[in-house]
Amino acid sequence: MRTTISTLIKAKQLAQDPKEVLMYLLEEESDCLGWDRSALIGCAAMMIEGTPEETLEITEGGLKGLLRDGLVITEGKLVLLHH
């Protein structure tokens, strides 16, 4: 997936909630195959303010929350929206 300037601007407009950033990326920047899990977490973490360690941890927690809530699913290493 390619991170564009418009993607970064939109992410900054979000409430810095990792779940919102992850959902935005999955809804707007995903293809039909979904995102590679590590690429999704890395991309979302870069959009959230904080140290790299903090943002990676926060983003991991956000993804776990989305999985728990049933909003996303995983297929192997891919993360997809649950429709």
N, C-alpha and C. Protein backbone atom coordinates (compact mmCIF):
# COMPACT_ATOMS: atom_id res chain seq x y z
N MET A 1 0.84 -1.17 0.00
CA MET A 1 0.00 0.00 0.00
C MET A 1 0.90 1.25 0.00
N ARG A 2 0.41 2.30 -0.61
CA ARG A 2 1.20 3.52 -0.71
C ARG A 2 0.57 4.60 0.16
N THR A 3 1.36 5.19 1.03
CA THR A 3 0.89 6.27 1.87
C THR A 3 1.06 7.57 1.11
N THR A 4 -0.04 8.29 0.92
CA THR A 4 0.01 9.54 0.20
C THR A 4 -0.09 10.70 1.18
N ILE A 5 0.19 11.89 0.68
CA ILE A 5 0.08 13.08 1.54
C ILE A 5 -1.35 13.26 2.00
N SER A 6 -2.33 13.01 1.13
CA SER A 6 -3.72 13.15 1.56
C SER A 6 -4.07 12.15 2.65
N THR A 7 -3.48 10.96 2.60
CA THR A 7 -3.70 9.97 3.65
C THR A 7 -3.14 10.48 4.98
N LEU A 8 -1.96 11.06 4.95
CA LEU A 8 -1.35 11.58 6.17
C LEU A 8 -2.16 12.74 6.74
N ILE A 9 -2.65 13.61 5.87
CA ILE A 9 -3.47 14.74 6.33
C ILE A 9 -4.75 14.23 6.96
N LYS A 10 -5.40 13.28 6.32
CA LYS A 10 -6.65 12.72 6.86
C LYS A 10 -6.39 12.06 8.21
N ALA A 11 -5.31 11.33 8.33
CA ALA A 11 -5.00 10.66 9.59
C ALA A 11 -4.77 11.68 10.70
N LYS A 12 -4.13 12.79 10.39
CA LYS A 12 -3.90 13.82 11.40
C LYS A 12 -5.22 14.45 11.84
N GLN A 13 -6.21 14.46 10.96
CA GLN A 13 -7.51 15.02 11.31
C GLN A 13 -8.30 14.09 12.23
N LEU A 14 -7.96 12.82 12.22
CA LEU A 14 -8.63 11.88 13.11
C LEU A 14 -8.23 12.19 14.54
N ALA A 15 -8.94 11.63 15.47
CA ALA A 15 -8.72 11.94 16.88
C ALA A 15 -7.50 11.24 17.46
N GLN A 16 -6.57 10.82 16.63
CA GLN A 16 -5.39 10.09 17.07
C GLN A 16 -5.76 8.79 17.77
N ASP A 17 -6.96 8.32 17.52
CA ASP A 17 -7.41 7.05 18.04
C ASP A 17 -6.89 5.97 17.09
N PRO A 18 -6.09 5.04 17.58
CA PRO A 18 -5.53 4.04 16.67
C PRO A 18 -6.59 3.23 15.93
N LYS A 19 -7.73 2.98 16.56
CA LYS A 19 -8.80 2.26 15.88
C LYS A 19 -9.31 3.05 14.68
N GLU A 20 -9.46 4.37 14.85
CA GLU A 20 -9.93 5.21 13.75
C GLU A 20 -8.92 5.26 12.62
N VAL A 21 -7.65 5.36 12.97
CA VAL A 21 -6.60 5.39 11.94
C VAL A 21 -6.59 4.06 11.18
N LEU A 22 -6.65 2.95 11.90
CA LEU A 22 -6.65 1.64 11.27
C LEU A 22 -7.88 1.47 10.36
N MET A 23 -9.05 1.87 10.85
CA MET A 23 -10.27 1.75 10.05
C MET A 23 -10.18 2.62 8.80
N TYR A 24 -9.64 3.83 8.95
CA TYR A 24 -9.48 4.69 7.79
C TYR A 24 -8.60 4.02 6.74
N LEU A 25 -7.47 3.50 7.16
CA LEU A 25 -6.57 2.84 6.22
C LEU A 25 -7.25 1.64 5.55
N LEU A 26 -7.98 0.87 6.32
CA LEU A 26 -8.65 -0.31 5.76
C LEU A 26 -9.78 0.08 4.82
N GLU A 27 -10.48 1.17 5.12
CA GLU A 27 -11.60 1.59 4.27
C GLU A 27 -11.14 2.34 3.03
N GLU A 28 -10.15 3.21 3.19
CA GLU A 28 -9.78 4.12 2.11
C GLU A 28 -8.53 3.72 1.34
N GLU A 29 -7.62 3.03 1.96
CA GLU A 29 -6.33 2.76 1.33
C GLU A 29 -6.09 1.28 1.07
N SER A 30 -7.10 0.47 1.21
CA SER A 30 -6.95 -0.97 1.06
C SER A 30 -7.40 -1.42 -0.32
N ASP A 31 -6.84 -2.52 -0.77
CA ASP A 31 -7.37 -3.13 -1.99
C ASP A 31 -8.21 -4.33 -1.58
N CYS A 32 -8.67 -5.09 -2.54
CA CYS A 32 -9.58 -6.20 -2.23
C CYS A 32 -8.90 -7.31 -1.43
N LEU A 33 -7.57 -7.33 -1.41
CA LEU A 33 -6.84 -8.35 -0.66
C LEU A 33 -6.62 -7.97 0.80
N GLY A 34 -6.83 -6.70 1.14
CA GLY A 34 -6.58 -6.25 2.50
C GLY A 34 -5.16 -5.76 2.66
N TRP A 35 -4.73 -5.66 3.90
CA TRP A 35 -3.41 -5.16 4.25
C TRP A 35 -2.60 -6.28 4.89
N ASP A 36 -1.31 -6.29 4.61
CA ASP A 36 -0.40 -7.12 5.37
C ASP A 36 -0.40 -6.57 6.79
N ARG A 37 -0.51 -7.46 7.78
CA ARG A 37 -0.66 -7.03 9.18
C ARG A 37 0.45 -6.09 9.63
N SER A 38 1.69 -6.47 9.37
CA SER A 38 2.81 -5.64 9.83
C SER A 38 2.86 -4.30 9.08
N ALA A 39 2.51 -4.29 7.79
CA ALA A 39 2.50 -3.04 7.04
C ALA A 39 1.39 -2.12 7.55
N LEU A 40 0.23 -2.67 7.86
CA LEU A 40 -0.88 -1.88 8.38
C LEU A 40 -0.51 -1.25 9.72
N ILE A 41 0.05 -2.05 10.61
CA ILE A 41 0.44 -1.53 11.93
C ILE A 41 1.52 -0.47 11.79
N GLY A 42 2.50 -0.72 10.94
CA GLY A 42 3.57 0.25 10.75
C GLY A 42 3.08 1.56 10.16
N CYS A 43 2.21 1.47 9.17
CA CYS A 43 1.68 2.67 8.53
C CYS A 43 0.82 3.46 9.51
N ALA A 44 -0.05 2.79 10.24
CA ALA A 44 -0.91 3.46 11.21
C ALA A 44 -0.07 4.07 12.33
N ALA A 45 0.94 3.37 12.78
CA ALA A 45 1.78 3.87 13.88
C ALA A 45 2.50 5.15 13.47
N MET A 46 2.91 5.25 12.21
CA MET A 46 3.59 6.46 11.74
C MET A 46 2.66 7.66 11.73
N MET A 47 1.36 7.43 11.68
CA MET A 47 0.40 8.52 11.61
C MET A 47 -0.03 9.02 12.98
N ILE A 48 0.36 8.32 14.02
CA ILE A 48 -0.03 8.69 15.38
C ILE A 48 1.16 9.33 16.07
N GLU A 49 0.90 10.40 16.78
CA GLU A 49 1.99 11.11 17.45
C GLU A 49 2.49 10.33 18.67
N GLY A 50 3.80 10.33 18.83
CA GLY A 50 4.44 9.65 19.95
C GLY A 50 5.73 9.01 19.50
N THR A 51 6.40 8.35 20.44
CA THR A 51 7.63 7.66 20.08
C THR A 51 7.28 6.41 19.27
N PRO A 52 8.21 5.91 18.49
CA PRO A 52 7.92 4.70 17.71
C PRO A 52 7.45 3.54 18.58
N GLU A 53 8.06 3.37 19.73
CA GLU A 53 7.67 2.27 20.61
C GLU A 53 6.24 2.44 21.10
N GLU A 54 5.90 3.67 21.51
CA GLU A 54 4.55 3.95 22.01
C GLU A 54 3.50 3.75 20.92
N THR A 55 3.79 4.29 19.75
CA THR A 55 2.77 4.23 18.70
C THR A 55 2.57 2.80 18.19
N LEU A 56 3.64 2.02 18.12
CA LEU A 56 3.48 0.63 17.72
C LEU A 56 2.65 -0.14 18.74
N GLU A 57 2.90 0.09 20.02
CA GLU A 57 2.14 -0.58 21.07
C GLU A 57 0.67 -0.16 21.05
N ILE A 58 0.44 1.13 20.89
CA ILE A 58 -0.93 1.65 20.84
C ILE A 58 -1.67 1.08 19.63
N THR A 59 -0.99 1.03 18.50
CA THR A 59 -1.61 0.53 17.27
C THR A 59 -1.91 -0.96 17.37
N GLU A 60 -1.00 -1.72 17.95
CA GLU A 60 -1.25 -3.16 18.18
C GLU A 60 -2.51 -3.34 19.02
N GLY A 61 -2.63 -2.53 20.07
CA GLY A 61 -3.81 -2.59 20.93
C GLY A 61 -5.08 -2.23 20.18
N GLY A 62 -4.98 -1.23 19.31
CA GLY A 62 -6.14 -0.84 18.50
C GLY A 62 -6.58 -1.95 17.57
N LEU A 63 -5.62 -2.63 16.95
CA LEU A 63 -5.96 -3.74 16.06
C LEU A 63 -6.60 -4.88 16.84
N LYS A 64 -6.07 -5.18 18.01
CA LYS A 64 -6.66 -6.23 18.85
C LYS A 64 -8.10 -5.86 19.21
N GLY A 65 -8.34 -4.59 19.47
CA GLY A 65 -9.69 -4.13 19.78
C GLY A 65 -10.63 -4.29 18.60
N LEU A 66 -10.16 -3.97 17.41
CA LEU A 66 -11.00 -4.13 16.21
C LEU A 66 -11.30 -5.59 15.94
N LEU A 67 -10.32 -6.46 16.18
CA LEU A 67 -10.53 -7.89 16.01
C LEU A 67 -11.55 -8.40 17.04
N ARG A 68 -11.39 -7.96 18.28
CA ARG A 68 -12.30 -8.36 19.36
C ARG A 68 -13.73 -7.90 19.07
N ASP A 69 -13.86 -6.68 18.53
CA ASP A 69 -15.18 -6.12 18.24
C ASP A 69 -15.79 -6.70 16.96
N GLY A 70 -15.02 -7.49 16.22
CA GLY A 70 -15.52 -8.11 15.00
C GLY A 70 -15.59 -7.19 13.80
N LEU A 71 -14.89 -6.06 13.86
CA LEU A 71 -14.91 -5.12 12.73
C LEU A 71 -13.92 -5.51 11.64
N VAL A 72 -12.88 -6.23 12.02
CA VAL A 72 -11.90 -6.71 11.05
C VAL A 72 -11.66 -8.20 11.28
N ILE A 73 -11.15 -8.84 10.26
CA ILE A 73 -10.77 -10.25 10.37
C ILE A 73 -9.36 -10.41 9.82
N THR A 74 -8.74 -11.51 10.17
CA THR A 74 -7.43 -11.82 9.62
C THR A 74 -7.53 -13.11 8.81
N GLU A 75 -6.80 -13.12 7.73
CA GLU A 75 -6.64 -14.32 6.90
C GLU A 75 -5.15 -14.49 6.70
N GLY A 76 -4.56 -15.35 7.49
CA GLY A 76 -3.11 -15.48 7.46
C GLY A 76 -2.49 -14.19 7.98
N LYS A 77 -1.66 -13.55 7.15
CA LYS A 77 -1.02 -12.30 7.55
C LYS A 77 -1.81 -11.08 7.09
N LEU A 78 -2.95 -11.31 6.41
CA LEU A 78 -3.73 -10.20 5.90
C LEU A 78 -4.81 -9.76 6.89
N VAL A 79 -5.08 -8.46 6.91
CA VAL A 79 -6.16 -7.89 7.73
C VAL A 79 -7.18 -7.30 6.77
N LEU A 80 -8.45 -7.66 6.98
CA LEU A 80 -9.54 -7.20 6.10
C LEU A 80 -10.69 -6.69 6.93
N LEU A 81 -11.48 -5.79 6.33
CA LEU A 81 -12.71 -5.36 6.98
C LEU A 81 -13.68 -6.53 6.99
N HIS A 82 -14.43 -6.67 8.05
CA HIS A 82 -15.44 -7.73 8.14
C HIS A 82 -16.75 -7.13 7.63
N HIS A 83 -17.23 -7.65 6.52
CA HIS A 83 -18.47 -7.11 5.92
C HIS A 83 -19.64 -7.98 6.28
